[in-house]
Amino acid sequence: MHFISEQDQRRISDAIQDIEARTNGELVTVIAQSSDDYQYIPLLWAALFALTIPGIFLFAEIEWFLELFYVYQLTIFVFSAIVLRLPFLRLILIPKAVRQRRAHRHAMEQFVLNNLPATKNSNGILLFVSVAEHYVEVIADKGINDLVPDGAWDRIVQDFTAHVKKGEIAEGFLAAVQDCGEFLIEYFPDDKDDKNDLPNHLIMV
């Protein structure tokens, strides 16, 4: 992924390993370029644009022929569907609530797929970023979530999101890893019997 270099990936991996050397908790980081391809969005808007043609003709009192009218509608639909497939335009047309729902669903999937619910003390934390949506989420299992003060995750997300919006993804990850790590170290210090089964590197999906 072009938005995060190999050097930054190593920095994040080193930070995670440093944290997990001092805790029996688990910290997993995941970054997604986008949480959905939203392919249906351009088609919906293209259909809407094409369907407005009759209204425009009637409002402007333009005389039209059925054959030409069909050509106009088809042309508008095809042109709009192609142009609106451009990533920056497609995302603009997607309501924020839809983008956030897709990203949240993706985060929950990654929490399960990376086996975080299986930690011995229910003390796994997922740091998830979906870049296209400027979306950040911290998902913490019950064991650690019940101990952390109210609002702590929200503050981490806010700081992380601010970094993402400025294109400082690596710095956002490093700060969030440090903040989450401090909670893990405080409430779940290193245990000699602890076995680290989850990845310590940045997972890119």
N, C-alpha and C. Protein backbone atom coordinates (compact mmCIF):
# COMPACT_ATOMS: atom_id res chain seq x y z
N MET A 1 0.84 -1.19 0.00
CA MET A 1 0.00 0.00 0.00
C MET A 1 0.88 1.24 0.00
N HIS A 2 0.59 2.12 -0.92
CA HIS A 2 1.49 3.26 -1.14
C HIS A 2 1.43 4.28 -0.02
N PHE A 3 0.36 4.25 0.82
CA PHE A 3 0.21 5.29 1.83
C PHE A 3 0.94 4.98 3.12
N ILE A 4 1.61 3.85 3.20
CA ILE A 4 2.41 3.55 4.37
C ILE A 4 3.64 2.77 3.93
N SER A 5 4.79 3.29 4.22
CA SER A 5 6.04 2.72 3.71
C SER A 5 6.46 1.49 4.51
N GLU A 6 7.39 0.73 3.93
CA GLU A 6 7.92 -0.44 4.63
C GLU A 6 8.63 -0.03 5.91
N GLN A 7 9.30 1.10 5.86
CA GLN A 7 9.99 1.59 7.06
C GLN A 7 8.98 1.87 8.18
N ASP A 8 7.86 2.50 7.83
CA ASP A 8 6.84 2.78 8.84
C ASP A 8 6.19 1.50 9.35
N GLN A 9 6.02 0.53 8.46
CA GLN A 9 5.49 -0.77 8.89
C GLN A 9 6.41 -1.40 9.93
N ARG A 10 7.71 -1.29 9.71
CA ARG A 10 8.66 -1.85 10.68
C ARG A 10 8.60 -1.10 12.01
N ARG A 11 8.43 0.22 11.93
CA ARG A 11 8.34 1.01 13.16
C ARG A 11 7.12 0.58 13.99
N ILE A 12 6.01 0.35 13.30
CA ILE A 12 4.79 -0.07 13.99
C ILE A 12 4.98 -1.46 14.59
N SER A 13 5.57 -2.35 13.81
CA SER A 13 5.83 -3.71 14.30
C SER A 13 6.73 -3.69 15.53
N ASP A 14 7.78 -2.88 15.50
CA ASP A 14 8.69 -2.78 16.65
C ASP A 14 7.96 -2.25 17.88
N ALA A 15 7.07 -1.27 17.66
CA ALA A 15 6.33 -0.69 18.79
C ALA A 15 5.40 -1.73 19.42
N ILE A 16 4.75 -2.54 18.58
CA ILE A 16 3.86 -3.59 19.10
C ILE A 16 4.66 -4.62 19.88
N GLN A 17 5.79 -5.04 19.34
CA GLN A 17 6.62 -6.03 20.02
C GLN A 17 7.12 -5.51 21.37
N ASP A 18 7.45 -4.24 21.41
CA ASP A 18 7.91 -3.64 22.66
C ASP A 18 6.81 -3.66 23.71
N ILE A 19 5.57 -3.35 23.28
CA ILE A 19 4.43 -3.37 24.21
C ILE A 19 4.17 -4.79 24.69
N GLU A 20 4.11 -5.73 23.75
CA GLU A 20 3.72 -7.09 24.11
C GLU A 20 4.79 -7.82 24.90
N ALA A 21 6.00 -7.29 24.92
CA ALA A 21 7.05 -7.87 25.78
C ALA A 21 6.79 -7.55 27.24
N ARG A 22 5.89 -6.58 27.48
CA ARG A 22 5.62 -6.16 28.86
C ARG A 22 4.18 -6.42 29.30
N THR A 23 3.43 -7.17 28.51
CA THR A 23 2.04 -7.46 28.86
C THR A 23 1.67 -8.85 28.35
N ASN A 24 0.66 -9.45 28.97
CA ASN A 24 0.13 -10.70 28.43
C ASN A 24 -1.11 -10.45 27.59
N GLY A 25 -1.40 -9.16 27.34
CA GLY A 25 -2.49 -8.80 26.45
C GLY A 25 -2.06 -8.92 25.00
N GLU A 26 -3.01 -8.74 24.09
CA GLU A 26 -2.73 -8.83 22.66
C GLU A 26 -3.18 -7.55 21.97
N LEU A 27 -2.32 -7.04 21.10
CA LEU A 27 -2.61 -5.82 20.35
C LEU A 27 -2.39 -6.12 18.87
N VAL A 28 -3.45 -5.98 18.09
CA VAL A 28 -3.39 -6.25 16.66
C VAL A 28 -3.76 -4.99 15.89
N THR A 29 -2.97 -4.68 14.86
CA THR A 29 -3.22 -3.48 14.04
C THR A 29 -3.57 -3.90 12.62
N VAL A 30 -4.61 -3.29 12.08
CA VAL A 30 -5.08 -3.61 10.73
C VAL A 30 -5.35 -2.31 9.97
N ILE A 31 -4.92 -2.27 8.71
CA ILE A 31 -5.20 -1.12 7.86
C ILE A 31 -5.82 -1.61 6.56
N ALA A 32 -6.89 -0.95 6.14
CA ALA A 32 -7.57 -1.28 4.89
C ALA A 32 -7.58 -0.05 4.00
N GLN A 33 -7.34 -0.24 2.73
CA GLN A 33 -7.42 0.89 1.81
C GLN A 33 -8.85 1.40 1.73
N SER A 34 -9.81 0.47 1.73
CA SER A 34 -11.23 0.82 1.72
C SER A 34 -11.99 -0.34 2.33
N SER A 35 -13.15 -0.06 2.92
CA SER A 35 -13.95 -1.12 3.54
C SER A 35 -15.02 -1.67 2.63
N ASP A 36 -15.13 -1.14 1.43
CA ASP A 36 -16.11 -1.62 0.46
C ASP A 36 -15.71 -1.06 -0.89
N ASP A 37 -16.08 -1.75 -1.97
CA ASP A 37 -15.79 -1.17 -3.29
C ASP A 37 -16.89 -0.23 -3.74
N TYR A 38 -18.06 -0.26 -3.07
CA TYR A 38 -19.17 0.65 -3.36
C TYR A 38 -19.52 0.68 -4.86
N GLN A 39 -19.42 -0.44 -5.53
CA GLN A 39 -19.65 -0.47 -6.97
C GLN A 39 -21.08 -0.10 -7.34
N TYR A 40 -22.02 -0.34 -6.43
CA TYR A 40 -23.41 -0.05 -6.75
C TYR A 40 -23.73 1.45 -6.73
N ILE A 41 -22.90 2.23 -6.06
CA ILE A 41 -23.17 3.66 -5.93
C ILE A 41 -23.17 4.38 -7.29
N PRO A 42 -22.14 4.21 -8.14
CA PRO A 42 -22.18 4.87 -9.46
C PRO A 42 -23.40 4.48 -10.27
N LEU A 43 -23.82 3.23 -10.20
CA LEU A 43 -24.98 2.78 -10.96
C LEU A 43 -26.26 3.44 -10.47
N LEU A 44 -26.39 3.59 -9.15
CA LEU A 44 -27.58 4.24 -8.60
C LEU A 44 -27.67 5.70 -9.04
N TRP A 45 -26.56 6.41 -8.95
CA TRP A 45 -26.56 7.81 -9.35
C TRP A 45 -26.74 7.96 -10.87
N ALA A 46 -26.13 7.07 -11.63
CA ALA A 46 -26.29 7.13 -13.09
C ALA A 46 -27.75 6.91 -13.47
N ALA A 47 -28.41 5.96 -12.81
CA ALA A 47 -29.82 5.71 -13.08
C ALA A 47 -30.67 6.93 -12.71
N LEU A 48 -30.34 7.56 -11.58
CA LEU A 48 -31.07 8.75 -11.16
C LEU A 48 -30.92 9.88 -12.18
N PHE A 49 -29.69 10.12 -12.64
CA PHE A 49 -29.46 11.16 -13.64
C PHE A 49 -30.25 10.87 -14.92
N ALA A 50 -30.24 9.61 -15.36
CA ALA A 50 -30.94 9.25 -16.60
C ALA A 50 -32.44 9.43 -16.45
N LEU A 51 -32.96 9.13 -15.27
CA LEU A 51 -34.40 9.25 -15.04
C LEU A 51 -34.88 10.69 -14.92
N THR A 52 -33.95 11.62 -14.72
CA THR A 52 -34.35 13.03 -14.66
C THR A 52 -34.55 13.65 -16.04
N ILE A 53 -34.11 12.95 -17.09
CA ILE A 53 -34.23 13.48 -18.45
C ILE A 53 -35.67 13.82 -18.82
N PRO A 54 -36.66 12.93 -18.56
CA PRO A 54 -38.04 13.30 -18.91
C PRO A 54 -38.51 14.59 -18.24
N GLY A 55 -38.17 14.75 -16.96
CA GLY A 55 -38.57 15.95 -16.25
C GLY A 55 -37.96 17.21 -16.87
N ILE A 56 -36.68 17.12 -17.25
CA ILE A 56 -36.01 18.26 -17.86
C ILE A 56 -36.68 18.64 -19.17
N PHE A 57 -37.00 17.64 -20.01
CA PHE A 57 -37.63 17.89 -21.30
C PHE A 57 -39.03 18.51 -21.12
N LEU A 58 -39.78 17.97 -20.15
CA LEU A 58 -41.13 18.49 -19.92
C LEU A 58 -41.09 19.90 -19.35
N PHE A 59 -40.18 20.14 -18.39
CA PHE A 59 -40.08 21.46 -17.77
C PHE A 59 -39.66 22.51 -18.79
N ALA A 60 -38.74 22.15 -19.67
CA ALA A 60 -38.24 23.10 -20.68
C ALA A 60 -39.12 23.13 -21.92
N GLU A 61 -40.17 22.28 -21.92
CA GLU A 61 -41.09 22.21 -23.05
C GLU A 61 -40.34 21.94 -24.36
N ILE A 62 -39.40 21.00 -24.27
CA ILE A 62 -38.61 20.62 -25.44
C ILE A 62 -39.34 19.49 -26.18
N GLU A 63 -39.50 19.64 -27.46
CA GLU A 63 -40.12 18.59 -28.26
C GLU A 63 -39.12 17.46 -28.45
N TRP A 64 -39.56 16.25 -28.25
CA TRP A 64 -38.64 15.14 -28.36
C TRP A 64 -39.29 13.95 -29.06
N PHE A 65 -38.42 13.10 -29.61
CA PHE A 65 -38.87 11.89 -30.28
C PHE A 65 -38.40 10.69 -29.45
N LEU A 66 -39.21 9.67 -29.46
CA LEU A 66 -38.94 8.51 -28.61
C LEU A 66 -37.56 7.92 -28.86
N GLU A 67 -37.18 7.80 -30.14
CA GLU A 67 -35.88 7.19 -30.47
C GLU A 67 -34.73 8.02 -29.90
N LEU A 68 -34.80 9.33 -30.11
CA LEU A 68 -33.73 10.21 -29.60
C LEU A 68 -33.73 10.25 -28.07
N PHE A 69 -34.92 10.23 -27.50
CA PHE A 69 -35.03 10.28 -26.05
C PHE A 69 -34.34 9.07 -25.42
N TYR A 70 -34.53 7.90 -26.00
CA TYR A 70 -33.89 6.69 -25.50
C TYR A 70 -32.37 6.81 -25.60
N VAL A 71 -31.89 7.35 -26.71
CA VAL A 71 -30.45 7.54 -26.90
C VAL A 71 -29.88 8.48 -25.85
N TYR A 72 -30.62 9.57 -25.57
CA TYR A 72 -30.18 10.53 -24.56
C TYR A 72 -30.06 9.85 -23.19
N GLN A 73 -31.09 9.11 -22.82
CA GLN A 73 -31.08 8.46 -21.51
C GLN A 73 -29.94 7.44 -21.40
N LEU A 74 -29.77 6.64 -22.43
CA LEU A 74 -28.72 5.63 -22.42
C LEU A 74 -27.34 6.27 -22.34
N THR A 75 -27.16 7.36 -23.09
CA THR A 75 -25.87 8.06 -23.09
C THR A 75 -25.56 8.63 -21.71
N ILE A 76 -26.56 9.28 -21.11
CA ILE A 76 -26.38 9.86 -19.78
C ILE A 76 -26.06 8.77 -18.76
N PHE A 77 -26.76 7.65 -18.85
CA PHE A 77 -26.54 6.57 -17.90
C PHE A 77 -25.13 6.01 -18.02
N VAL A 78 -24.71 5.69 -19.24
CA VAL A 78 -23.39 5.09 -19.45
C VAL A 78 -22.29 6.06 -19.06
N PHE A 79 -22.40 7.32 -19.49
CA PHE A 79 -21.38 8.32 -19.19
C PHE A 79 -21.27 8.53 -17.68
N SER A 80 -22.40 8.66 -17.01
CA SER A 80 -22.39 8.90 -15.56
C SER A 80 -21.81 7.70 -14.82
N ALA A 81 -22.20 6.49 -15.23
CA ALA A 81 -21.72 5.29 -14.56
C ALA A 81 -20.20 5.16 -14.66
N ILE A 82 -19.64 5.58 -15.81
CA ILE A 82 -18.18 5.49 -16.00
C ILE A 82 -17.46 6.56 -15.18
N VAL A 83 -17.93 7.80 -15.29
CA VAL A 83 -17.27 8.92 -14.61
C VAL A 83 -17.35 8.76 -13.09
N LEU A 84 -18.50 8.33 -12.60
CA LEU A 84 -18.69 8.23 -11.16
C LEU A 84 -17.97 7.04 -10.54
N ARG A 85 -17.36 6.20 -11.36
CA ARG A 85 -16.55 5.10 -10.84
C ARG A 85 -15.19 5.60 -10.35
N LEU A 86 -14.81 6.83 -10.71
CA LEU A 86 -13.56 7.38 -10.21
C LEU A 86 -13.61 7.43 -8.68
N PRO A 87 -12.58 6.89 -8.02
CA PRO A 87 -12.65 6.72 -6.55
C PRO A 87 -13.03 7.98 -5.79
N PHE A 88 -12.42 9.12 -6.12
CA PHE A 88 -12.70 10.33 -5.33
C PHE A 88 -14.13 10.81 -5.51
N LEU A 89 -14.70 10.61 -6.71
CA LEU A 89 -16.10 10.99 -6.93
C LEU A 89 -17.05 10.00 -6.26
N ARG A 90 -16.71 8.72 -6.33
CA ARG A 90 -17.58 7.69 -5.76
C ARG A 90 -17.73 7.90 -4.26
N LEU A 91 -16.64 8.22 -3.58
CA LEU A 91 -16.71 8.39 -2.13
C LEU A 91 -17.48 9.65 -1.74
N ILE A 92 -17.37 10.69 -2.56
CA ILE A 92 -18.11 11.93 -2.28
C ILE A 92 -19.61 11.67 -2.28
N LEU A 93 -20.06 10.78 -3.16
CA LEU A 93 -21.49 10.52 -3.32
C LEU A 93 -22.06 9.57 -2.27
N ILE A 94 -21.19 8.97 -1.47
CA ILE A 94 -21.65 8.01 -0.47
C ILE A 94 -21.94 8.73 0.85
N PRO A 95 -23.13 8.61 1.39
CA PRO A 95 -23.43 9.25 2.68
C PRO A 95 -22.45 8.80 3.77
N LYS A 96 -22.11 9.71 4.64
CA LYS A 96 -21.14 9.41 5.71
C LYS A 96 -21.60 8.23 6.56
N ALA A 97 -22.90 8.17 6.84
CA ALA A 97 -23.41 7.08 7.67
C ALA A 97 -23.18 5.72 7.02
N VAL A 98 -23.31 5.67 5.69
CA VAL A 98 -23.09 4.42 4.96
C VAL A 98 -21.61 4.03 5.04
N ARG A 99 -20.72 5.01 4.84
CA ARG A 99 -19.28 4.73 4.91
C ARG A 99 -18.90 4.21 6.29
N GLN A 100 -19.45 4.82 7.32
CA GLN A 100 -19.10 4.41 8.68
C GLN A 100 -19.64 3.01 9.01
N ARG A 101 -20.85 2.70 8.53
CA ARG A 101 -21.40 1.36 8.78
C ARG A 101 -20.54 0.29 8.10
N ARG A 102 -20.13 0.56 6.85
CA ARG A 102 -19.30 -0.41 6.14
C ARG A 102 -17.96 -0.60 6.86
N ALA A 103 -17.36 0.50 7.29
CA ALA A 103 -16.06 0.42 7.96
C ALA A 103 -16.17 -0.29 9.31
N HIS A 104 -17.23 0.00 10.04
CA HIS A 104 -17.43 -0.66 11.34
C HIS A 104 -17.61 -2.17 11.15
N ARG A 105 -18.38 -2.54 10.15
CA ARG A 105 -18.58 -3.97 9.86
C ARG A 105 -17.25 -4.64 9.52
N HIS A 106 -16.44 -3.94 8.74
CA HIS A 106 -15.13 -4.48 8.36
C HIS A 106 -14.24 -4.64 9.59
N ALA A 107 -14.30 -3.67 10.49
CA ALA A 107 -13.50 -3.74 11.72
C ALA A 107 -13.92 -4.95 12.57
N MET A 108 -15.21 -5.16 12.72
CA MET A 108 -15.70 -6.29 13.50
C MET A 108 -15.28 -7.61 12.87
N GLU A 109 -15.31 -7.68 11.54
CA GLU A 109 -14.87 -8.89 10.85
C GLU A 109 -13.39 -9.16 11.14
N GLN A 110 -12.57 -8.10 11.12
CA GLN A 110 -11.15 -8.27 11.37
C GLN A 110 -10.87 -8.68 12.81
N PHE A 111 -11.68 -8.20 13.73
CA PHE A 111 -11.53 -8.59 15.14
C PHE A 111 -11.70 -10.10 15.29
N VAL A 112 -12.69 -10.65 14.60
CA VAL A 112 -12.96 -12.09 14.68
C VAL A 112 -11.93 -12.88 13.87
N LEU A 113 -11.65 -12.42 12.63
CA LEU A 113 -10.74 -13.14 11.75
C LEU A 113 -9.33 -13.25 12.34
N ASN A 114 -8.94 -12.26 13.12
CA ASN A 114 -7.61 -12.29 13.73
C ASN A 114 -7.60 -12.95 15.10
N ASN A 115 -8.71 -13.63 15.42
CA ASN A 115 -8.78 -14.50 16.60
C ASN A 115 -8.65 -13.74 17.92
N LEU A 116 -9.00 -12.48 17.93
CA LEU A 116 -8.88 -11.71 19.17
C LEU A 116 -9.85 -12.16 20.27
N PRO A 117 -11.04 -12.65 19.92
CA PRO A 117 -11.95 -13.11 20.99
C PRO A 117 -11.43 -14.36 21.72
N ALA A 118 -10.38 -14.99 21.21
CA ALA A 118 -9.89 -16.23 21.81
C ALA A 118 -8.79 -16.01 22.84
N THR A 119 -8.44 -14.75 23.13
CA THR A 119 -7.38 -14.52 24.11
C THR A 119 -7.78 -15.05 25.48
N LYS A 120 -6.80 -15.55 26.21
CA LYS A 120 -7.04 -16.23 27.48
C LYS A 120 -7.79 -15.35 28.48
N ASN A 121 -7.41 -14.09 28.59
CA ASN A 121 -8.01 -13.18 29.57
C ASN A 121 -8.96 -12.17 28.95
N SER A 122 -9.39 -12.44 27.72
CA SER A 122 -10.28 -11.51 27.00
C SER A 122 -9.70 -10.10 26.99
N ASN A 123 -8.38 -10.03 26.71
CA ASN A 123 -7.70 -8.74 26.79
C ASN A 123 -7.06 -8.34 25.45
N GLY A 124 -7.72 -8.74 24.36
CA GLY A 124 -7.23 -8.36 23.04
C GLY A 124 -7.77 -7.01 22.61
N ILE A 125 -6.94 -6.26 21.88
CA ILE A 125 -7.34 -4.95 21.35
C ILE A 125 -7.03 -4.91 19.86
N LEU A 126 -7.99 -4.44 19.08
CA LEU A 126 -7.78 -4.22 17.65
C LEU A 126 -7.73 -2.73 17.36
N LEU A 127 -6.67 -2.30 16.67
CA LEU A 127 -6.60 -0.93 16.13
C LEU A 127 -6.87 -1.05 14.63
N PHE A 128 -7.96 -0.46 14.18
CA PHE A 128 -8.39 -0.61 12.79
C PHE A 128 -8.50 0.74 12.11
N VAL A 129 -7.95 0.81 10.88
CA VAL A 129 -8.05 2.02 10.07
C VAL A 129 -8.53 1.66 8.68
N SER A 130 -9.52 2.39 8.19
CA SER A 130 -9.93 2.27 6.80
C SER A 130 -9.67 3.64 6.17
N VAL A 131 -8.66 3.70 5.31
CA VAL A 131 -8.13 4.99 4.86
C VAL A 131 -9.13 5.77 4.02
N ALA A 132 -9.77 5.12 3.06
CA ALA A 132 -10.67 5.84 2.15
C ALA A 132 -11.79 6.55 2.91
N GLU A 133 -12.26 5.90 3.98
CA GLU A 133 -13.36 6.48 4.75
C GLU A 133 -12.87 7.40 5.87
N HIS A 134 -11.55 7.54 6.04
CA HIS A 134 -10.99 8.28 7.18
C HIS A 134 -11.58 7.76 8.49
N TYR A 135 -11.64 6.45 8.57
CA TYR A 135 -12.33 5.80 9.70
C TYR A 135 -11.32 5.08 10.59
N VAL A 136 -11.45 5.30 11.88
CA VAL A 136 -10.59 4.64 12.87
C VAL A 136 -11.48 4.04 13.95
N GLU A 137 -11.14 2.83 14.38
CA GLU A 137 -11.91 2.22 15.47
C GLU A 137 -10.97 1.41 16.36
N VAL A 138 -11.22 1.47 17.65
CA VAL A 138 -10.55 0.62 18.63
C VAL A 138 -11.60 -0.35 19.15
N ILE A 139 -11.35 -1.64 18.97
CA ILE A 139 -12.26 -2.66 19.50
C ILE A 139 -11.51 -3.43 20.58
N ALA A 140 -12.02 -3.36 21.78
CA ALA A 140 -11.36 -4.02 22.92
C ALA A 140 -12.27 -5.10 23.47
N ASP A 141 -11.69 -6.25 23.77
CA ASP A 141 -12.46 -7.34 24.36
C ASP A 141 -12.84 -6.99 25.80
N LYS A 142 -13.77 -7.77 26.34
CA LYS A 142 -14.38 -7.44 27.63
C LYS A 142 -13.38 -7.32 28.77
N GLY A 143 -12.37 -8.20 28.78
CA GLY A 143 -11.43 -8.20 29.89
C GLY A 143 -10.72 -6.89 30.10
N ILE A 144 -10.30 -6.25 29.00
CA ILE A 144 -9.61 -4.96 29.10
C ILE A 144 -10.60 -3.81 29.06
N ASN A 145 -11.68 -3.98 28.32
CA ASN A 145 -12.65 -2.90 28.17
C ASN A 145 -13.29 -2.53 29.50
N ASP A 146 -13.55 -3.53 30.36
CA ASP A 146 -14.19 -3.26 31.65
C ASP A 146 -13.29 -2.50 32.62
N LEU A 147 -11.98 -2.51 32.36
CA LEU A 147 -11.04 -1.87 33.28
C LEU A 147 -10.64 -0.46 32.85
N VAL A 148 -10.75 -0.19 31.57
CA VAL A 148 -10.29 1.10 31.04
C VAL A 148 -11.33 2.19 31.35
N PRO A 149 -10.88 3.40 31.76
CA PRO A 149 -11.81 4.49 32.07
C PRO A 149 -12.71 4.84 30.89
N ASP A 150 -13.92 5.29 31.20
CA ASP A 150 -14.86 5.70 30.17
C ASP A 150 -14.25 6.81 29.30
N GLY A 151 -14.45 6.69 28.02
CA GLY A 151 -14.00 7.72 27.10
C GLY A 151 -12.57 7.55 26.62
N ALA A 152 -11.85 6.59 27.19
CA ALA A 152 -10.44 6.42 26.82
C ALA A 152 -10.29 6.03 25.36
N TRP A 153 -11.09 5.08 24.91
CA TRP A 153 -10.99 4.64 23.51
C TRP A 153 -11.39 5.77 22.56
N ASP A 154 -12.40 6.53 22.95
CA ASP A 154 -12.85 7.64 22.10
C ASP A 154 -11.74 8.67 21.90
N ARG A 155 -11.00 8.95 22.96
CA ARG A 155 -9.91 9.92 22.85
C ARG A 155 -8.81 9.39 21.92
N ILE A 156 -8.52 8.10 22.03
CA ILE A 156 -7.50 7.50 21.16
C ILE A 156 -7.95 7.57 19.70
N VAL A 157 -9.24 7.28 19.48
CA VAL A 157 -9.79 7.32 18.11
C VAL A 157 -9.74 8.73 17.55
N GLN A 158 -10.10 9.71 18.35
CA GLN A 158 -10.09 11.10 17.89
C GLN A 158 -8.69 11.55 17.48
N ASP A 159 -7.71 11.21 18.30
CA ASP A 159 -6.33 11.58 17.98
C ASP A 159 -5.86 10.85 16.72
N PHE A 160 -6.19 9.58 16.63
CA PHE A 160 -5.80 8.76 15.48
C PHE A 160 -6.44 9.30 14.21
N THR A 161 -7.73 9.60 14.27
CA THR A 161 -8.46 10.12 13.10
C THR A 161 -7.86 11.43 12.61
N ALA A 162 -7.47 12.28 13.55
CA ALA A 162 -6.85 13.56 13.17
C ALA A 162 -5.57 13.31 12.39
N HIS A 163 -4.79 12.33 12.80
CA HIS A 163 -3.56 11.97 12.08
C HIS A 163 -3.89 11.44 10.68
N VAL A 164 -4.91 10.58 10.59
CA VAL A 164 -5.28 9.99 9.30
C VAL A 164 -5.71 11.06 8.31
N LYS A 165 -6.51 12.01 8.77
CA LYS A 165 -6.99 13.09 7.89
C LYS A 165 -5.84 13.94 7.37
N LYS A 166 -4.76 14.01 8.13
CA LYS A 166 -3.58 14.78 7.69
C LYS A 166 -2.59 13.90 6.93
N GLY A 167 -2.96 12.63 6.72
CA GLY A 167 -2.07 11.73 5.99
C GLY A 167 -0.96 11.16 6.84
N GLU A 168 -1.03 11.35 8.15
CA GLU A 168 0.01 10.88 9.06
C GLU A 168 -0.40 9.53 9.67
N ILE A 169 -0.57 8.55 8.80
CA ILE A 169 -1.11 7.27 9.24
C ILE A 169 -0.16 6.56 10.19
N ALA A 170 1.11 6.52 9.85
CA ALA A 170 2.08 5.83 10.70
C ALA A 170 2.16 6.47 12.09
N GLU A 171 2.18 7.80 12.11
CA GLU A 171 2.25 8.48 13.40
C GLU A 171 1.00 8.22 14.23
N GLY A 172 -0.15 8.15 13.55
CA GLY A 172 -1.39 7.83 14.25
C GLY A 172 -1.34 6.45 14.87
N PHE A 173 -0.84 5.48 14.09
CA PHE A 173 -0.72 4.12 14.61
C PHE A 173 0.22 4.07 15.81
N LEU A 174 1.37 4.71 15.69
CA LEU A 174 2.36 4.67 16.76
C LEU A 174 1.82 5.28 18.06
N ALA A 175 1.12 6.40 17.93
CA ALA A 175 0.55 7.02 19.12
C ALA A 175 -0.53 6.14 19.74
N ALA A 176 -1.38 5.55 18.89
CA ALA A 176 -2.45 4.70 19.39
C ALA A 176 -1.91 3.42 20.01
N VAL A 177 -0.89 2.84 19.38
CA VAL A 177 -0.25 1.64 19.94
C VAL A 177 0.29 1.94 21.33
N GLN A 178 0.93 3.09 21.48
CA GLN A 178 1.49 3.47 22.78
C GLN A 178 0.39 3.66 23.83
N ASP A 179 -0.69 4.35 23.43
CA ASP A 179 -1.79 4.61 24.38
C ASP A 179 -2.48 3.31 24.80
N CYS A 180 -2.79 2.45 23.82
CA CYS A 180 -3.43 1.18 24.15
C CYS A 180 -2.48 0.29 24.95
N GLY A 181 -1.20 0.34 24.60
CA GLY A 181 -0.21 -0.47 25.29
C GLY A 181 -0.08 -0.12 26.75
N GLU A 182 -0.21 1.15 27.07
CA GLU A 182 -0.11 1.57 28.47
C GLU A 182 -1.22 0.94 29.31
N PHE A 183 -2.43 0.83 28.74
CA PHE A 183 -3.52 0.18 29.47
C PHE A 183 -3.24 -1.31 29.64
N LEU A 184 -2.77 -1.96 28.58
CA LEU A 184 -2.48 -3.39 28.66
C LEU A 184 -1.40 -3.68 29.70
N ILE A 185 -0.35 -2.86 29.70
CA ILE A 185 0.75 -3.06 30.65
C ILE A 185 0.29 -2.82 32.09
N GLU A 186 -0.58 -1.82 32.26
CA GLU A 186 -1.07 -1.50 33.61
C GLU A 186 -1.97 -2.61 34.15
N TYR A 187 -2.91 -3.07 33.36
CA TYR A 187 -3.91 -4.02 33.86
C TYR A 187 -3.55 -5.48 33.62
N PHE A 188 -2.68 -5.73 32.65
CA PHE A 188 -2.29 -7.11 32.34
C PHE A 188 -0.78 -7.17 32.13
N PRO A 189 -0.02 -7.05 33.21
CA PRO A 189 1.45 -7.08 33.08
C PRO A 189 1.94 -8.42 32.57
N ASP A 190 3.18 -8.45 32.15
CA ASP A 190 3.77 -9.64 31.53
C ASP A 190 3.66 -10.86 32.44
N ASP A 191 3.32 -11.96 31.81
CA ASP A 191 3.21 -13.24 32.49
C ASP A 191 4.17 -14.22 31.82
N LYS A 192 5.04 -14.85 32.59
CA LYS A 192 6.03 -15.74 32.01
C LYS A 192 5.41 -16.91 31.25
N ASP A 193 4.17 -17.23 31.63
CA ASP A 193 3.49 -18.34 30.96
C ASP A 193 2.72 -17.88 29.72
N ASP A 194 2.77 -16.59 29.45
CA ASP A 194 2.01 -16.06 28.32
C ASP A 194 2.60 -16.53 27.00
N LYS A 195 1.71 -16.88 26.08
CA LYS A 195 2.12 -17.32 24.75
C LYS A 195 1.55 -16.36 23.72
N ASN A 196 2.41 -15.77 22.92
CA ASN A 196 1.98 -14.79 21.93
C ASN A 196 1.65 -15.49 20.61
N ASP A 197 0.35 -15.63 20.34
CA ASP A 197 -0.08 -16.36 19.14
C ASP A 197 -0.54 -15.42 18.02
N LEU A 198 -0.74 -14.16 18.31
CA LEU A 198 -1.30 -13.25 17.32
C LEU A 198 -0.20 -12.41 16.69
N PRO A 199 -0.43 -11.93 15.45
CA PRO A 199 0.62 -11.21 14.73
C PRO A 199 1.00 -9.89 15.36
N ASN A 200 2.28 -9.55 15.33
CA ASN A 200 2.78 -8.29 15.86
C ASN A 200 3.06 -7.26 14.78
N HIS A 201 2.79 -7.62 13.54
CA HIS A 201 3.03 -6.68 12.44
C HIS A 201 1.74 -6.02 11.99
N LEU A 202 1.87 -4.96 11.22
CA LEU A 202 0.71 -4.28 10.66
C LEU A 202 0.10 -5.14 9.57
N ILE A 203 -1.18 -5.49 9.75
CA ILE A 203 -1.90 -6.33 8.78
C ILE A 203 -2.57 -5.43 7.77
N MET A 204 -2.32 -5.68 6.50
CA MET A 204 -2.90 -4.87 5.43
C MET A 204 -3.91 -5.69 4.65
N VAL A 205 -5.12 -5.19 4.56
CA VAL A 205 -6.19 -5.95 3.90
C VAL A 205 -6.83 -5.11 2.77
